[in-house]
């Protein structure tokens, strides 16, 4: 007799509570990033504190989203899909902003 390789579970697990906070924070961070880059391109790289504020806000929202995503992974027997999407998005944004800051410091 053959053993089944894959088991299918028909039990639906609820989403982790903190993951419902993580994903919107990551999406807000992505929106702030788009606004910051758009304004910077429109002003041909000569943006002032307004653009820097959008960028720093985007970075902070991404870091908080990563924190909430990490905390949601600690919840037992939950669905982590939203947390994983939010953490990937926030992680990419954090790496992007670190690269932008390093390029700005080295470029001057």
Protein backbone atom coordinates (compact mmCIF):
# COMPACT_ATOMS: atom_id res chain seq x y z
CA UNK A 1 0.00 0.00 0.00
CA UNK A 2 1.29 3.48 -0.91
CA UNK A 3 1.65 6.33 1.52
CA UNK A 4 0.16 9.65 0.58
CA UNK A 5 2.83 12.22 -0.11
CA UNK A 6 0.74 15.31 0.38
CA UNK A 7 -1.87 15.83 3.01
CA UNK A 8 -4.65 18.27 2.39
CA UNK A 9 -6.06 20.16 5.31
CA UNK A 10 -9.56 21.52 4.98
CA UNK A 11 -9.33 23.50 8.19
CA UNK A 12 -9.16 27.21 7.49
CA UNK A 13 -6.86 29.06 9.80
CA UNK A 14 -7.63 32.69 10.60
CA UNK A 15 -5.17 35.39 9.63
CA UNK A 16 -2.75 36.50 12.29
CA UNK A 17 -4.02 39.67 13.98
CA UNK A 18 -0.79 41.61 13.58
CA UNK A 19 -0.55 40.68 9.91
CA UNK A 20 -3.66 42.77 9.30
CA UNK A 21 -1.60 45.73 10.50
CA UNK A 22 1.61 44.72 8.72
CA UNK A 23 0.26 44.69 5.16
CA UNK A 24 -1.44 48.13 5.24
CA UNK A 25 1.69 49.65 6.78
CA UNK A 26 3.80 48.16 4.00
CA UNK A 27 1.39 49.47 1.37
CA UNK A 28 1.44 52.95 2.93
CA UNK A 29 5.23 52.80 2.88
CA UNK A 30 5.16 51.83 -0.79
CA UNK A 31 2.84 54.75 -1.56
CA UNK A 32 5.12 57.19 0.29
CA UNK A 33 8.09 55.80 -1.64
CA UNK A 34 6.33 56.37 -4.96
CA UNK A 35 5.39 59.93 -3.94
CA UNK A 36 8.95 60.66 -2.85
CA UNK A 37 10.52 59.35 -6.06
CA UNK A 38 7.92 61.07 -8.23
CA UNK A 39 8.50 64.45 -6.58
CA UNK A 40 12.25 63.97 -6.80
CA UNK A 41 12.10 63.23 -10.52
CA UNK A 42 9.77 66.18 -11.15
CA UNK A 43 12.21 68.51 -9.38
CA UNK A 44 15.20 66.93 -11.16
CA UNK A 45 16.86 65.74 -7.97
CA UNK A 46 16.82 69.16 -6.33
CA UNK A 47 14.11 68.38 -3.82
CA UNK A 48 14.06 69.89 -0.40
CA UNK A 49 12.93 68.76 2.99
CA UNK A 50 9.48 67.87 1.67
CA UNK A 51 10.84 64.99 -0.39
CA UNK A 52 13.15 63.90 2.43
CA UNK A 53 10.17 63.79 4.80
CA UNK A 54 8.26 61.53 2.40
CA UNK A 55 11.29 59.25 2.14
CA UNK A 56 11.96 59.06 5.87
CA UNK A 57 8.27 58.40 6.50
CA UNK A 58 8.36 55.59 3.96
CA UNK A 59 11.41 54.06 5.65
CA UNK A 60 9.84 54.29 9.12
CA UNK A 61 6.57 52.75 7.96
CA UNK A 62 8.52 49.90 6.35
CA UNK A 63 10.50 49.23 9.52
CA UNK A 64 7.32 49.18 11.62
CA UNK A 65 5.68 46.86 9.07
CA UNK A 66 8.66 44.50 9.40
CA UNK A 67 8.29 44.57 13.18
CA UNK A 68 4.57 43.80 13.04
CA UNK A 69 5.19 41.06 10.48
CA UNK A 70 7.79 39.45 12.71
CA UNK A 71 5.45 39.61 15.70
CA UNK A 72 2.63 38.07 13.68
CA UNK A 73 4.82 35.09 12.84
CA UNK A 74 5.00 34.34 16.56
CA UNK A 75 1.25 33.71 16.75
CA UNK A 76 0.46 30.01 16.78
CA UNK A 77 -1.81 28.18 14.32
CA UNK A 78 -2.57 31.19 12.12
CA UNK A 79 -2.46 31.98 8.43
CA UNK A 80 0.65 34.06 7.73
CA UNK A 81 -0.01 35.01 4.10
CA UNK A 82 -0.65 38.70 4.78
CA UNK A 83 2.38 38.91 7.04
CA UNK A 84 4.62 37.34 4.43
CA UNK A 85 3.44 39.69 1.69
CA UNK A 86 3.83 42.69 3.98
CA UNK A 87 7.26 41.62 5.18
CA UNK A 88 8.55 41.04 1.65
CA UNK A 89 7.28 44.43 0.53
CA UNK A 90 8.64 46.22 3.60
CA UNK A 91 11.95 44.38 3.42
CA UNK A 92 12.50 45.38 -0.20
CA UNK A 93 11.63 48.99 0.66
CA UNK A 94 14.05 49.06 3.59
CA UNK A 95 16.85 47.71 1.39
CA UNK A 96 15.95 50.26 -1.31
CA UNK A 97 16.04 53.17 1.14
CA UNK A 98 19.33 52.02 2.65
CA UNK A 99 20.82 51.92 -0.86
CA UNK A 100 19.46 55.40 -1.65
CA UNK A 101 20.91 56.83 1.58
CA UNK A 102 24.29 55.17 1.04
CA UNK A 103 24.41 56.38 -2.57
CA UNK A 104 23.55 59.89 -1.41
CA UNK A 105 26.26 59.92 1.25
CA UNK A 106 28.94 58.45 -1.04
CA UNK A 107 27.89 60.63 -3.99
CA UNK A 108 28.53 63.87 -2.12
